[in-house]
Amino acid sequence: MNEETTAEATTRRSFRLHNMAVPARPLEPALYLVATPIGNLGDITLRALETLAGADVLACEDTRVTRVLLDRYGIQNRPFSYHEHNADEAGPRLLQALEAGRSVALVSDAGTPLVSDPGYRLAQQAITAGYRVIPIPGASAPLAALVGSGLPNDAFLFAGFLPVKDKARRDRLGEFAAAPATLIFFESPHRIGATLLAAADVLGATRPASVCRELTKTYEEFRRGTLEELAAHYQQVENVKGEIVLVVGPPEPVETDEADVEAVLADLSKTMPTAKAATEAARLTGLPRKLLYQRLLELKGADGR
């Protein structure tokens, strides 16, 4: 290899910090899952930059989005498109690169790969095939929202996007009603009002919550209050903009004796199907839905129904 080729390779496998080129060390063959900024491009780790610059293959959701990040840090690596619409074609090509002993870096448009994006499928295939999968941690919208919300963070449940249709959305919320943890959801700006109304009805109007919008960006906002208060606010706001994370605090613990639980189940079962009655009872009592559903079946069996 001549001197010119070596220089070219060094330039390609480098990143820039404050106008200074930093060479990237060679990477061992593996699939690297690289977290990228969720808004502010300064929220990138040195390890992530070195991985993006040094990877033999760089796969991303949208090459235009990733190119903005690469240009900011002077990374010349050429991104390769991998997303849900081309996964059947692009996935095998990436696995072939791993088989050939090459390093493959995977990024999403923003945040940590595999969190509500198609990268899960590729990682699963790589693990099944015996290739090493290495996470490069960094920015995460759910965690940023959680710590900024002011809500309990000792136990939390990330549930991604809720269903679009109202009934399915309410049924899904019902599954989490009694979970003893802070709930975290992604939501689109044009559905946040409807989602807050549903959450107030299903989870309880007085549950504390926070609507976290445009995290790490110029117009970052944390709007805190009860679900009822937040629902009322967003019914009055037109053209909500930006990416949103909804964080809902855990239910207050409720002490309910067995006789009271059976009375609640008996009353609800008069007007609701078994599954819906169990969901509503979970919301009212704070007890696990699965336990209540089983108890309801036992009560119906004892009554001969």
Protein backbone atom coordinates (compact mmCIF):
# COMPACT_ATOMS: atom_id res chain seq x y z
CA MET A 1 0.00 0.00 0.00
CA ASN A 2 1.55 3.33 -1.04
CA GLU A 3 1.71 6.47 1.10
CA GLU A 4 -1.15 8.20 -0.71
CA THR A 5 -3.51 5.25 -0.23
CA THR A 6 -2.60 5.06 3.46
CA ALA A 7 -3.34 8.76 3.88
CA GLU A 8 -6.66 8.40 2.11
CA ALA A 9 -7.64 5.49 4.33
CA THR A 10 -6.64 7.43 7.46
CA THR A 11 -8.74 10.42 6.38
CA ARG A 12 -11.77 8.25 5.62
CA ARG A 13 -11.56 6.48 8.95
CA SER A 14 -11.49 9.59 11.10
CA PHE A 15 -13.82 12.13 12.67
CA ARG A 16 -13.40 15.82 13.37
CA LEU A 17 -13.58 17.57 16.73
CA HIS A 18 -13.07 21.35 16.79
CA ASN A 19 -11.39 21.22 13.36
CA MET A 20 -8.98 18.53 14.48
CA ALA A 21 -9.02 15.17 12.71
CA VAL A 22 -9.10 12.21 15.09
CA PRO A 23 -8.19 8.81 13.60
CA ALA A 24 -10.58 5.95 14.31
CA ARG A 25 -9.07 2.70 15.48
CA PRO A 26 -9.90 -0.50 13.56
CA LEU A 27 -13.01 -2.31 14.77
CA GLU A 28 -13.30 -6.02 15.36
CA PRO A 29 -15.90 -7.83 13.22
CA ALA A 30 -19.29 -7.40 14.90
CA LEU A 31 -22.66 -5.68 14.61
CA TYR A 32 -22.44 -2.36 16.46
CA LEU A 33 -25.72 -0.78 17.61
CA VAL A 34 -24.85 2.91 17.83
CA ALA A 35 -27.02 5.44 19.69
CA THR A 36 -27.23 8.82 17.94
CA PRO A 37 -28.60 12.20 19.13
CA ILE A 38 -32.37 12.63 19.45
CA GLY A 39 -32.15 16.31 18.58
CA ASN A 40 -29.05 18.16 19.71
CA LEU A 41 -26.15 16.90 17.59
CA GLY A 42 -23.80 17.58 20.49
CA ASP A 43 -25.28 14.58 22.31
CA ILE A 44 -22.98 12.06 20.65
CA THR A 45 -20.30 10.06 22.44
CA LEU A 46 -16.67 9.81 21.38
CA ARG A 47 -17.03 6.05 21.17
CA ALA A 48 -20.01 6.45 18.82
CA LEU A 49 -18.06 8.82 16.55
CA GLU A 50 -15.13 6.42 16.39
CA THR A 51 -17.48 3.55 15.56
CA LEU A 52 -19.28 5.48 12.81
CA ALA A 53 -15.97 6.50 11.28
CA GLY A 54 -14.24 3.14 11.61
CA ALA A 55 -16.99 0.69 10.60
CA ASP A 56 -16.52 -1.17 7.33
CA VAL A 57 -20.27 -0.88 6.69
CA LEU A 58 -22.57 1.81 8.09
CA ALA A 59 -26.30 1.01 7.96
CA CYS A 60 -29.03 3.53 8.76
CA GLU A 61 -32.77 4.17 8.39
CA ASP A 62 -32.52 7.30 6.23
CA THR A 63 -29.20 8.19 4.61
CA ARG A 64 -30.19 11.87 4.41
CA VAL A 65 -30.74 12.10 8.17
CA THR A 66 -27.53 10.23 9.03
CA ARG A 67 -25.54 12.29 6.51
CA VAL A 68 -26.30 15.45 8.51
CA LEU A 69 -24.69 13.89 11.60
CA LEU A 70 -21.73 12.54 9.64
CA ASP A 71 -21.08 15.90 7.99
CA ARG A 72 -21.19 17.66 11.37
CA TYR A 73 -18.25 15.55 12.53
CA GLY A 74 -16.37 15.21 9.26
CA ILE A 75 -17.03 11.49 8.86
CA GLN A 76 -16.66 10.33 5.26
CA ASN A 77 -18.09 6.83 5.73
CA ARG A 78 -20.89 6.26 3.23
CA PRO A 79 -24.17 5.18 4.87
CA PHE A 80 -26.12 2.19 3.55
CA SER A 81 -29.92 2.19 3.78
CA TYR A 82 -31.61 -0.39 6.03
CA HIS A 83 -35.24 0.10 7.08
CA GLU A 84 -38.50 -1.81 7.43
CA HIS A 85 -39.34 -1.51 3.73
CA ASN A 86 -36.06 -2.98 2.42
CA ALA A 87 -35.12 -5.26 5.34
CA ASP A 88 -35.70 -8.46 3.34
CA GLU A 89 -33.14 -7.34 0.75
CA ALA A 90 -30.71 -5.28 2.85
CA GLY A 91 -30.63 -7.54 5.90
CA PRO A 92 -28.95 -10.50 4.14
CA ARG A 93 -26.33 -8.16 2.64
CA LEU A 94 -25.41 -6.93 6.12
CA LEU A 95 -25.23 -10.49 7.43
CA GLN A 96 -22.97 -11.39 4.49
CA ALA A 97 -20.66 -8.53 5.51
CA LEU A 98 -20.47 -9.98 9.03
CA GLU A 99 -19.77 -13.42 7.57
CA ALA A 100 -16.92 -11.91 5.58
CA GLY A 101 -15.35 -10.65 8.81
CA ARG A 102 -16.33 -7.01 8.39
CA SER A 103 -17.58 -4.57 11.04
CA VAL A 104 -21.16 -3.31 10.62
CA ALA A 105 -22.51 -0.26 12.46
CA LEU A 106 -26.28 0.25 12.67
CA VAL A 107 -27.94 3.57 13.57
CA SER A 108 -31.53 4.74 13.65
CA ASP A 109 -32.63 8.23 12.63
CA ALA A 110 -32.43 9.28 16.28
CA GLY A 111 -31.79 7.63 19.61
CA THR A 112 -30.88 4.05 20.39
CA PRO A 113 -31.31 1.41 17.66
CA LEU A 114 -33.88 -1.35 18.29
CA VAL A 115 -36.07 0.97 20.42
CA SER A 116 -39.24 1.19 18.29
CA ASP A 117 -37.38 0.70 15.02
CA PRO A 118 -36.68 -2.23 12.62
CA GLY A 119 -33.16 -2.89 13.88
CA TYR A 120 -34.44 -5.58 16.26
CA ARG A 121 -34.85 -7.99 13.38
CA LEU A 122 -31.25 -7.59 12.19
CA ALA A 123 -29.82 -7.92 15.69
CA GLN A 124 -31.85 -11.07 16.29
CA GLN A 125 -30.61 -12.59 13.03
CA ALA A 126 -27.00 -11.70 13.84
CA ILE A 127 -27.24 -13.27 17.30
CA THR A 128 -28.86 -16.41 15.89
CA ALA A 129 -26.05 -16.69 13.34
CA GLY A 130 -23.46 -16.46 16.11
CA TYR A 131 -22.07 -12.99 15.37
CA ARG A 132 -21.12 -10.63 18.16
CA VAL A 133 -23.53 -7.75 18.81
CA ILE A 134 -22.05 -4.73 20.61
CA PRO A 135 -24.22 -1.85 21.93
CA ILE A 136 -22.72 1.65 21.84
CA PRO A 137 -24.93 3.47 24.39
CA GLY A 138 -25.95 7.10 24.24
CA ALA A 139 -29.04 9.25 23.73
CA SER A 140 -32.44 7.71 24.51
CA ALA A 141 -35.74 9.61 24.32
CA PRO A 142 -37.56 7.39 26.88
CA LEU A 143 -34.82 7.85 29.47
CA ALA A 144 -34.46 11.59 28.81
CA ALA A 145 -38.23 11.99 29.26
CA LEU A 146 -38.26 9.86 32.40
CA VAL A 147 -35.54 11.77 34.22
CA GLY A 148 -36.94 15.15 33.14
CA SER A 149 -40.54 14.34 34.05
CA GLY A 150 -40.01 14.39 37.80
CA LEU A 151 -41.98 11.14 38.14
CA PRO A 152 -40.78 8.03 40.04
CA ASN A 153 -37.97 6.25 38.18
CA ASP A 154 -37.26 3.28 40.45
CA ALA A 155 -39.46 1.11 38.21
CA PHE A 156 -40.62 2.03 34.71
CA LEU A 157 -42.23 0.38 31.69
CA PHE A 158 -41.58 1.55 28.14
CA ALA A 159 -44.51 0.61 25.87
CA GLY A 160 -43.63 2.31 22.58
CA PHE A 161 -46.50 3.67 20.47
CA LEU A 162 -50.12 3.09 21.47
CA PRO A 163 -52.65 1.85 18.85
CA VAL A 164 -54.19 4.48 16.60
CA LYS A 165 -57.84 3.47 17.03
CA ASP A 166 -59.54 4.58 20.23
CA LYS A 167 -60.87 1.21 21.41
CA ALA A 168 -57.57 -0.56 20.82
CA ARG A 169 -55.75 2.31 22.50
CA ARG A 170 -57.98 2.09 25.58
CA ASP A 171 -57.65 -1.69 25.73
CA ARG A 172 -53.87 -1.36 25.60
CA LEU A 173 -53.86 1.27 28.34
CA GLY A 174 -56.05 -1.03 30.41
CA GLU A 175 -53.36 -3.70 30.29
CA PHE A 176 -51.00 -1.29 32.07
CA ALA A 177 -53.52 0.24 34.50
CA ALA A 178 -52.34 -1.66 37.56
CA ALA A 179 -48.65 -1.92 36.67
CA PRO A 180 -46.67 -0.65 39.70
CA ALA A 181 -44.34 1.40 37.50
CA THR A 182 -44.06 4.69 35.66
CA LEU A 183 -45.34 4.25 32.10
CA ILE A 184 -43.55 5.68 29.06
CA PHE A 185 -45.16 6.00 25.61
CA PHE A 186 -44.21 7.54 22.27
CA GLU A 187 -47.00 9.58 20.70
CA SER A 188 -47.53 11.72 17.61
CA PRO A 189 -48.44 15.41 18.05
CA HIS A 190 -51.80 15.10 16.28
CA ARG A 191 -52.92 12.24 18.56
CA ILE A 192 -51.67 13.44 21.94
CA GLY A 193 -54.99 15.08 22.86
CA ALA A 194 -57.01 11.93 22.20
CA THR A 195 -54.45 9.77 23.97
CA LEU A 196 -54.55 11.95 27.09
CA LEU A 197 -58.35 11.76 27.17
CA ALA A 198 -58.20 7.96 26.91
CA ALA A 199 -55.45 7.75 29.54
CA ALA A 200 -57.43 9.92 31.96
CA ASP A 201 -60.47 7.65 31.54
CA VAL A 202 -58.61 4.34 31.75
CA LEU A 203 -55.73 5.07 34.12
CA GLY A 204 -57.45 7.64 36.29
CA ALA A 205 -57.91 11.40 35.94
CA THR A 206 -55.67 12.22 38.89
CA ARG A 207 -52.64 10.17 37.79
CA PRO A 208 -49.62 12.51 37.50
CA ALA A 209 -48.07 12.72 34.05
CA SER A 210 -45.72 14.72 31.86
CA VAL A 211 -45.88 15.49 28.15
CA CYS A 212 -42.26 15.75 27.02
CA ARG A 213 -41.92 17.48 23.66
CA GLU A 214 -38.96 18.20 21.37
CA LEU A 215 -36.44 16.70 23.78
CA THR A 216 -32.91 18.22 23.58
CA LYS A 217 -34.05 20.61 20.84
CA THR A 218 -34.47 24.39 20.88
CA TYR A 219 -38.12 24.32 21.93
CA GLU A 220 -37.86 21.49 24.46
CA GLU A 221 -40.88 21.43 26.77
CA PHE A 222 -41.97 19.46 29.83
CA ARG A 223 -45.63 20.06 30.61
CA ARG A 224 -46.54 18.43 33.91
CA GLY A 225 -49.88 17.87 35.64
CA THR A 226 -52.58 15.26 36.13
CA LEU A 227 -53.85 13.36 33.10
CA GLU A 228 -57.11 15.31 33.37
CA GLU A 229 -55.30 18.66 33.40
CA LEU A 230 -53.06 17.73 30.49
CA ALA A 231 -56.02 16.39 28.48
CA ALA A 232 -57.89 19.66 29.02
CA HIS A 233 -54.86 21.69 27.93
CA TYR A 234 -54.31 19.76 24.70
CA GLN A 235 -57.98 19.97 23.75
CA GLN A 236 -57.42 23.72 23.50
CA VAL A 237 -54.13 23.63 21.59
CA GLU A 238 -54.17 23.49 17.82
CA ASN A 239 -51.31 22.26 15.64
CA VAL A 240 -49.18 20.63 18.31
CA LYS A 241 -45.71 20.17 16.84
CA GLY A 242 -42.68 18.04 17.52
CA GLU A 243 -41.89 14.55 18.73
CA ILE A 244 -43.57 13.60 22.01
CA VAL A 245 -42.92 11.20 24.87
CA LEU A 246 -45.76 10.75 27.36
CA VAL A 247 -44.75 9.72 30.88
CA VAL A 248 -47.44 8.62 33.36
CA GLY A 249 -46.78 8.05 37.06
CA PRO A 250 -47.60 4.73 38.77
CA PRO A 251 -50.99 4.16 40.45
CA GLU A 252 -51.39 4.90 44.13
CA PRO A 253 -51.33 1.67 46.15
CA VAL A 254 -54.83 0.68 47.24
CA GLU A 255 -55.61 -1.70 50.07
CA THR A 256 -58.72 -3.70 49.23
CA ASP A 257 -59.94 -6.75 51.16
CA GLU A 258 -61.19 -9.85 49.35
CA ALA A 259 -64.86 -9.14 50.03
CA ASP A 260 -64.55 -5.71 48.44
CA VAL A 261 -62.75 -7.14 45.42
CA GLU A 262 -65.45 -9.74 44.86
CA ALA A 263 -68.13 -7.06 45.18
CA VAL A 264 -66.37 -4.93 42.56
CA LEU A 265 -66.03 -7.92 40.21
CA ALA A 266 -69.64 -8.97 40.67
CA ASP A 267 -70.89 -5.46 39.97
CA LEU A 268 -68.75 -4.96 36.86
CA SER A 269 -69.56 -8.38 35.42
CA LYS A 270 -73.24 -7.45 35.27
CA THR A 271 -72.62 -4.94 32.50
CA MET A 272 -69.25 -5.89 30.98
CA PRO A 273 -67.61 -8.89 29.30
CA THR A 274 -65.21 -10.78 31.52
CA ALA A 275 -62.01 -9.35 30.02
CA LYS A 276 -63.22 -5.76 30.18
CA ALA A 277 -64.54 -6.23 33.72
CA ALA A 278 -61.13 -7.52 34.82
CA THR A 279 -59.39 -4.52 33.21
CA GLU A 280 -61.70 -2.05 34.92
CA ALA A 281 -61.35 -3.86 38.25
CA ALA A 282 -57.57 -3.63 37.93
CA ARG A 283 -57.86 0.12 37.47
CA LEU A 284 -60.17 0.49 40.46
CA THR A 285 -58.34 -1.80 42.88
CA GLY A 286 -54.73 -1.57 41.77
CA LEU A 287 -54.52 -5.37 41.68
CA PRO A 288 -53.07 -7.32 38.74
CA ARG A 289 -55.53 -7.79 35.88
CA LYS A 290 -54.51 -11.42 35.39
CA LEU A 291 -55.35 -12.26 39.01
CA LEU A 292 -58.70 -10.47 38.79
CA TYR A 293 -59.56 -12.16 35.50
CA GLN A 294 -58.93 -15.58 37.03
CA ARG A 295 -60.96 -14.69 40.12
CA LEU A 296 -63.84 -13.53 37.93
CA LEU A 297 -63.84 -16.83 36.05
CA GLU A 298 -63.94 -18.66 39.38
CA LEU A 299 -66.87 -16.56 40.58
CA LYS A 300 -68.79 -17.17 37.36
CA GLY A 301 -68.06 -20.89 37.63
CA ALA A 302 -69.36 -20.95 41.19
CA ASP A 303 -72.56 -19.25 40.04
CA GLY A 304 -73.01 -21.83 37.29
CA ARG A 305 -72.69 -19.27 34.49
